[in-house]
Amino acid sequence: NKVSVDGLQLLKDIAHVGQQFGQEFSMVATALDEECEREMEKEVEKQVEMEKQLPAANPCLEDPWDYDAVLNAVGIGDLPPAARVGLLSEHVSTLSGLTVVPESNAWPLVYTTGNFWDTVADIPHKDDFLRPVRHMLAFTTGEYLLLADREAAEILERMWSVAAQSVVFFGFASL
């Protein structure tokens, strides 16, 4: 393996530049560093062990409602009572983990269905069992309705089946 004269010169240049710019830096590994790393690992393990264990819970069964009613709804008031629509701010105020309860008018036009809010049965405080917001309807009235996954699937199915035949008064968003 012969290295050309140009190659040797290149290697010498690289070594020279490395010495020039690397003189002020040094790397020292000690047993103390390893000891600190082991201690940190123990702390992380303790934190994992201390994670809150959630009580066993039974999921709520979602109550079906007339999803077709959404297709002709101009606003929240046009939805059937079986949808159990309620203001998000009223639901949020029931959470026990809040240190500051938001004002009731913080989200004046954001609503949820009963199925979105009811996730588990037999547990009075549902703080640890909240649904992520994945789907919502945005009505032309400025009202928003948060939906459970199953409700969103049912409404989307109906929207696609009548897409070319009717005018809808809402937008659908999957987040």
C-alpha atoms as a PDB file:
ATOM      1  CA  ASN A   1       0.000   0.000   0.000  1.00  0.00           C
ATOM      2  CA  LYS A   2       1.890   2.977  -1.268  1.00  0.00           C
ATOM      3  CA  VAL A   3       0.606   6.449  -0.574  1.00  0.00           C
ATOM      4  CA  SER A   4       1.410   9.033  -3.179  1.00  0.00           C
ATOM      5  CA  VAL A   5       3.530  12.038  -2.344  1.00  0.00           C
ATOM      6  CA  ASP A   6       0.441  14.259  -2.638  1.00  0.00           C
ATOM      7  CA  GLY A   7      -1.421  11.946  -0.256  1.00  0.00           C
ATOM      8  CA  LEU A   8       1.363  12.118   2.327  1.00  0.00           C
ATOM      9  CA  GLN A   9       1.397  15.877   2.106  1.00  0.00           C
ATOM     10  CA  LEU A  10      -2.394  15.943   2.597  1.00  0.00           C
ATOM     11  CA  LEU A  11      -2.103  13.751   5.716  1.00  0.00           C
ATOM     12  CA  LYS A  12       0.637  16.026   7.115  1.00  0.00           C
ATOM     13  CA  ASP A  13      -1.535  19.091   6.452  1.00  0.00           C
ATOM     14  CA  ILE A  14      -4.497  17.476   8.231  1.00  0.00           C
ATOM     15  CA  ALA A  15      -2.306  16.553  11.220  1.00  0.00           C
ATOM     16  CA  HIS A  16      -0.903  20.098  11.366  1.00  0.00           C
ATOM     17  CA  VAL A  17      -4.354  21.714  11.295  1.00  0.00           C
ATOM     18  CA  GLY A  18      -5.568  19.228  13.922  1.00  0.00           C
ATOM     19  CA  GLN A  19      -2.681  20.143  16.220  1.00  0.00           C
ATOM     20  CA  GLN A  20      -3.177  23.843  15.617  1.00  0.00           C
ATOM     21  CA  PHE A  21      -6.889  23.898  16.431  1.00  0.00           C
ATOM     22  CA  GLY A  22      -6.953  21.107  18.982  1.00  0.00           C
ATOM     23  CA  GLN A  23      -4.266  22.355  21.376  1.00  0.00           C
ATOM     24  CA  GLU A  24      -6.672  24.044  23.789  1.00  0.00           C
ATOM     25  CA  PHE A  25      -8.986  21.063  24.135  1.00  0.00           C
ATOM     26  CA  SER A  26      -8.506  18.022  26.249  1.00  0.00           C
ATOM     27  CA  MET A  27     -10.702  15.082  27.099  1.00  0.00           C
ATOM     28  CA  VAL A  28     -10.406  13.398  30.450  1.00  0.00           C
ATOM     29  CA  ALA A  29     -12.556  10.508  31.534  1.00  0.00           C
ATOM     30  CA  THR A  30     -12.504   9.627  35.182  1.00  0.00           C
ATOM     31  CA  ALA A  31     -14.198   7.136  37.383  1.00  0.00           C
ATOM     32  CA  LEU A  32     -16.097  10.076  38.882  1.00  0.00           C
ATOM     33  CA  ASP A  33     -17.876  10.675  35.555  1.00  0.00           C
ATOM     34  CA  GLU A  34     -18.947   7.055  35.453  1.00  0.00           C
ATOM     35  CA  GLU A  35     -20.111   7.246  39.064  1.00  0.00           C
ATOM     36  CA  CYS A  36     -22.259  10.316  38.286  1.00  0.00           C
ATOM     37  CA  GLU A  37     -23.733   8.522  35.304  1.00  0.00           C
ATOM     38  CA  ARG A  38     -24.660   5.505  37.452  1.00  0.00           C
ATOM     39  CA  GLU A  39     -26.285   7.794  40.033  1.00  0.00           C
ATOM     40  CA  MET A  40     -28.330   9.497  37.314  1.00  0.00           C
ATOM     41  CA  GLU A  41     -29.500   6.124  36.066  1.00  0.00           C
ATOM     42  CA  LYS A  42     -30.696   5.289  39.587  1.00  0.00           C
ATOM     43  CA  GLU A  43     -32.598   8.604  39.778  1.00  0.00           C
ATOM     44  CA  VAL A  44     -34.304   7.936  36.464  1.00  0.00           C
ATOM     45  CA  GLU A  45     -35.276   4.455  37.664  1.00  0.00           C
ATOM     46  CA  LYS A  46     -36.762   5.942  40.847  1.00  0.00           C
ATOM     47  CA  GLN A  47     -38.799   8.413  38.820  1.00  0.00           C
ATOM     48  CA  VAL A  48     -40.134   5.638  36.621  1.00  0.00           C
ATOM     49  CA  GLU A  49     -41.037   3.585  39.692  1.00  0.00           C
ATOM     50  CA  MET A  50     -42.824   6.575  41.246  1.00  0.00           C
ATOM     51  CA  GLU A  51     -45.138   7.054  38.252  1.00  0.00           C
ATOM     52  CA  LYS A  52     -48.730   7.171  39.344  1.00  0.00           C
ATOM     53  CA  GLN A  53     -50.577   3.894  39.023  1.00  0.00           C
ATOM     54  CA  LEU A  54     -54.037   4.467  37.610  1.00  0.00           C
ATOM     55  CA  PRO A  55     -56.930   2.581  39.125  1.00  0.00           C
ATOM     56  CA  ALA A  56     -58.518  -0.118  37.029  1.00  0.00           C
ATOM     57  CA  ALA A  57     -61.393   1.317  35.054  1.00  0.00           C
ATOM     58  CA  ASN A  58     -64.118   0.049  32.793  1.00  0.00           C
ATOM     59  CA  PRO A  59     -64.542   1.929  29.532  1.00  0.00           C
ATOM     60  CA  CYS A  60     -67.872   3.593  28.869  1.00  0.00           C
ATOM     61  CA  LEU A  61     -69.819   2.262  25.960  1.00  0.00           C
ATOM     62  CA  GLU A  62     -70.589   4.999  23.471  1.00  0.00           C
ATOM     63  CA  ASP A  63     -74.262   5.801  23.066  1.00  0.00           C
ATOM     64  CA  PRO A  64     -75.290   5.944  19.406  1.00  0.00           C
ATOM     65  CA  TRP A  65     -77.333   8.921  18.275  1.00  0.00           C
ATOM     66  CA  ASP A  66     -78.799  10.146  14.988  1.00  0.00           C
ATOM     67  CA  TYR A  67     -75.558  11.011  13.191  1.00  0.00           C
ATOM     68  CA  ASP A  68     -77.560  11.943  10.076  1.00  0.00           C
ATOM     69  CA  ALA A  69     -78.834  14.987  11.980  1.00  0.00           C
ATOM     70  CA  VAL A  70     -75.384  16.555  11.646  1.00  0.00           C
ATOM     71  CA  LEU A  71     -75.764  16.741   7.870  1.00  0.00           C
ATOM     72  CA  ASN A  72     -78.624  19.232   8.180  1.00  0.00           C
ATOM     73  CA  ALA A  73     -77.454  20.995  11.347  1.00  0.00           C
ATOM     74  CA  VAL A  74     -76.656  24.687  11.071  1.00  0.00           C
ATOM     75  CA  GLY A  75     -75.411  24.838  14.661  1.00  0.00           C
ATOM     76  CA  ILE A  76     -75.232  23.012  17.967  1.00  0.00           C
ATOM     77  CA  GLY A  77     -78.920  23.632  18.666  1.00  0.00           C
ATOM     78  CA  ASP A  78     -79.914  21.450  15.712  1.00  0.00           C
ATOM     79  CA  LEU A  79     -78.322  18.304  17.150  1.00  0.00           C
ATOM     80  CA  PRO A  80     -80.514  15.669  18.840  1.00  0.00           C
ATOM     81  CA  PRO A  81     -80.666  15.466  22.654  1.00  0.00           C
ATOM     82  CA  ALA A  82     -79.212  11.935  22.461  1.00  0.00           C
ATOM     83  CA  ALA A  83     -75.870  13.493  21.436  1.00  0.00           C
ATOM     84  CA  ARG A  84     -75.703  14.968  24.976  1.00  0.00           C
ATOM     85  CA  VAL A  85     -73.976  18.154  23.828  1.00  0.00           C
ATOM     86  CA  GLY A  86     -72.478  20.299  26.591  1.00  0.00           C
ATOM     87  CA  LEU A  87     -70.110  23.223  26.911  1.00  0.00           C
ATOM     88  CA  LEU A  88     -66.472  22.219  27.235  1.00  0.00           C
ATOM     89  CA  SER A  89     -65.933  24.820  29.970  1.00  0.00           C
ATOM     90  CA  GLU A  90     -68.614  23.193  32.146  1.00  0.00           C
ATOM     91  CA  HIS A  91     -66.946  19.793  31.804  1.00  0.00           C
ATOM     92  CA  VAL A  92     -63.463  21.167  32.467  1.00  0.00           C
ATOM     93  CA  SER A  93     -64.588  22.811  35.684  1.00  0.00           C
ATOM     94  CA  THR A  94     -65.381  19.332  37.099  1.00  0.00           C
ATOM     95  CA  LEU A  95     -61.767  18.140  36.848  1.00  0.00           C
ATOM     96  CA  SER A  96     -60.130  17.715  40.234  1.00  0.00           C
ATOM     97  CA  GLY A  97     -56.554  18.205  39.045  1.00  0.00           C
ATOM     98  CA  LEU A  98     -57.037  21.834  38.073  1.00  0.00           C
ATOM     99  CA  THR A  99     -55.315  24.382  40.256  1.00  0.00           C
ATOM    100  CA  VAL A 100     -57.092  27.231  38.493  1.00  0.00           C
ATOM    101  CA  VAL A 101     -60.563  26.701  37.092  1.00  0.00           C
ATOM    102  CA  PRO A 102     -60.943  28.567  33.806  1.00  0.00           C
ATOM    103  CA  GLU A 103     -63.688  31.118  33.494  1.00  0.00           C
ATOM    104  CA  SER A 104     -66.925  29.683  32.184  1.00  0.00           C
ATOM    105  CA  ASN A 105     -66.694  31.986  29.192  1.00  0.00           C
ATOM    106  CA  ALA A 106     -63.112  30.972  28.334  1.00  0.00           C
ATOM    107  CA  TRP A 107     -64.348  28.850  25.421  1.00  0.00           C
ATOM    108  CA  PRO A 108     -67.891  30.130  24.884  1.00  0.00           C
ATOM    109  CA  LEU A 109     -68.469  28.282  21.632  1.00  0.00           C
ATOM    110  CA  VAL A 110     -66.651  24.968  22.193  1.00  0.00           C
ATOM    111  CA  TYR A 111     -68.877  21.986  22.949  1.00  0.00           C
ATOM    112  CA  THR A 112     -68.404  18.246  23.395  1.00  0.00           C
ATOM    113  CA  THR A 113     -70.675  15.298  22.875  1.00  0.00           C
ATOM    114  CA  GLY A 114     -71.429  13.098  25.858  1.00  0.00           C
ATOM    115  CA  ASN A 115     -69.456  10.294  24.229  1.00  0.00           C
ATOM    116  CA  PHE A 116     -66.377  12.505  23.923  1.00  0.00           C
ATOM    117  CA  TRP A 117     -66.443  13.360  27.608  1.00  0.00           C
ATOM    118  CA  ASP A 118     -67.502  10.006  29.071  1.00  0.00           C
ATOM    119  CA  THR A 119     -64.486   7.740  28.816  1.00  0.00           C
ATOM    120  CA  VAL A 120     -64.579   5.514  31.902  1.00  0.00           C
ATOM    121  CA  ALA A 121     -67.344   4.337  34.186  1.00  0.00           C
ATOM    122  CA  ASP A 122     -67.394   4.234  37.981  1.00  0.00           C
ATOM    123  CA  ILE A 123     -64.658   6.813  38.542  1.00  0.00           C
ATOM    124  CA  PRO A 124     -65.838  10.219  39.734  1.00  0.00           C
ATOM    125  CA  HIS A 125     -62.711  12.163  38.716  1.00  0.00           C
ATOM    126  CA  LYS A 126     -61.755  11.467  35.131  1.00  0.00           C
ATOM    127  CA  ASP A 127     -58.598  13.631  35.065  1.00  0.00           C
ATOM    128  CA  ASP A 128     -56.343  10.728  34.046  1.00  0.00           C
ATOM    129  CA  PHE A 129     -58.786   9.329  31.506  1.00  0.00           C
ATOM    130  CA  LEU A 130     -59.414  12.281  29.207  1.00  0.00           C
ATOM    131  CA  ARG A 131     -59.629  11.758  25.469  1.00  0.00           C
ATOM    132  CA  PRO A 132     -57.215  13.577  23.208  1.00  0.00           C
ATOM    133  CA  VAL A 133     -58.919  16.001  20.842  1.00  0.00           C
ATOM    134  CA  ARG A 134     -58.743  14.331  17.446  1.00  0.00           C
ATOM    135  CA  HIS A 135     -61.928  15.298  15.631  1.00  0.00           C
ATOM    136  CA  MET A 136     -64.210  18.296  15.648  1.00  0.00           C
ATOM    137  CA  LEU A 137     -66.955  19.942  13.676  1.00  0.00           C
ATOM    138  CA  ALA A 138     -66.748  23.665  12.993  1.00  0.00           C
ATOM    139  CA  PHE A 139     -70.177  25.129  12.287  1.00  0.00           C
ATOM    140  CA  THR A 140     -70.699  28.303  10.277  1.00  0.00           C
ATOM    141  CA  THR A 141     -72.224  29.803  13.432  1.00  0.00           C
ATOM    142  CA  GLY A 142     -68.740  29.826  15.003  1.00  0.00           C
ATOM    143  CA  GLU A 143     -69.531  26.881  17.273  1.00  0.00           C
ATOM    144  CA  TYR A 144     -67.171  23.902  17.575  1.00  0.00           C
ATOM    145  CA  LEU A 145     -68.089  20.365  18.578  1.00  0.00           C
ATOM    146  CA  LEU A 146     -65.454  17.895  19.825  1.00  0.00           C
ATOM    147  CA  LEU A 147     -66.220  14.317  18.793  1.00  0.00           C
ATOM    148  CA  ALA A 148     -65.250  10.840  19.957  1.00  0.00           C
ATOM    149  CA  ASP A 149     -63.471   8.683  17.361  1.00  0.00           C
ATOM    150  CA  ARG A 150     -66.490   6.494  16.659  1.00  0.00           C
ATOM    151  CA  GLU A 151     -68.766   9.509  16.207  1.00  0.00           C
ATOM    152  CA  ALA A 152     -66.283  11.042  13.783  1.00  0.00           C
ATOM    153  CA  ALA A 153     -66.152   7.827  11.749  1.00  0.00           C
ATOM    154  CA  GLU A 154     -69.958   7.641  11.586  1.00  0.00           C
ATOM    155  CA  ILE A 155     -70.298  11.284  10.536  1.00  0.00           C
ATOM    156  CA  LEU A 156     -67.537  11.025   7.927  1.00  0.00           C
ATOM    157  CA  GLU A 157     -69.201   7.979   6.412  1.00  0.00           C
ATOM    158  CA  ARG A 158     -72.437   9.910   6.048  1.00  0.00           C
ATOM    159  CA  MET A 159     -70.667  12.987   4.683  1.00  0.00           C
ATOM    160  CA  TRP A 160     -69.026  10.966   1.923  1.00  0.00           C
ATOM    161  CA  SER A 161     -72.275   9.261   0.968  1.00  0.00           C
ATOM    162  CA  VAL A 162     -74.066  12.596   0.400  1.00  0.00           C
ATOM    163  CA  ALA A 163     -71.100  14.767  -0.598  1.00  0.00           C
ATOM    164  CA  ALA A 164     -72.396  15.726  -4.027  1.00  0.00           C
ATOM    165  CA  GLN A 165     -76.074  15.872  -3.103  1.00  0.00           C
ATOM    166  CA  SER A 166     -76.358  18.429  -0.317  1.00  0.00           C
ATOM    167  CA  VAL A 167     -75.029  21.579   1.259  1.00  0.00           C
ATOM    168  CA  VAL A 168     -73.420  21.220   4.690  1.00  0.00           C
ATOM    169  CA  PHE A 169     -73.132  23.937   7.291  1.00  0.00           C
ATOM    170  CA  PHE A 170     -70.007  22.731   9.010  1.00  0.00           C
ATOM    171  CA  GLY A 171     -66.395  21.813   8.427  1.00  0.00           C
ATOM    172  CA  PHE A 172     -64.856  18.583   9.661  1.00  0.00           C
ATOM    173  CA  ALA A 173     -61.330  18.467  11.073  1.00  0.00           C
ATOM    174  CA  SER A 174     -59.226  15.505  12.157  1.00  0.00           C
ATOM    175  CA  LEU A 175     -56.325  16.763  14.240  1.00  0.00           C
END
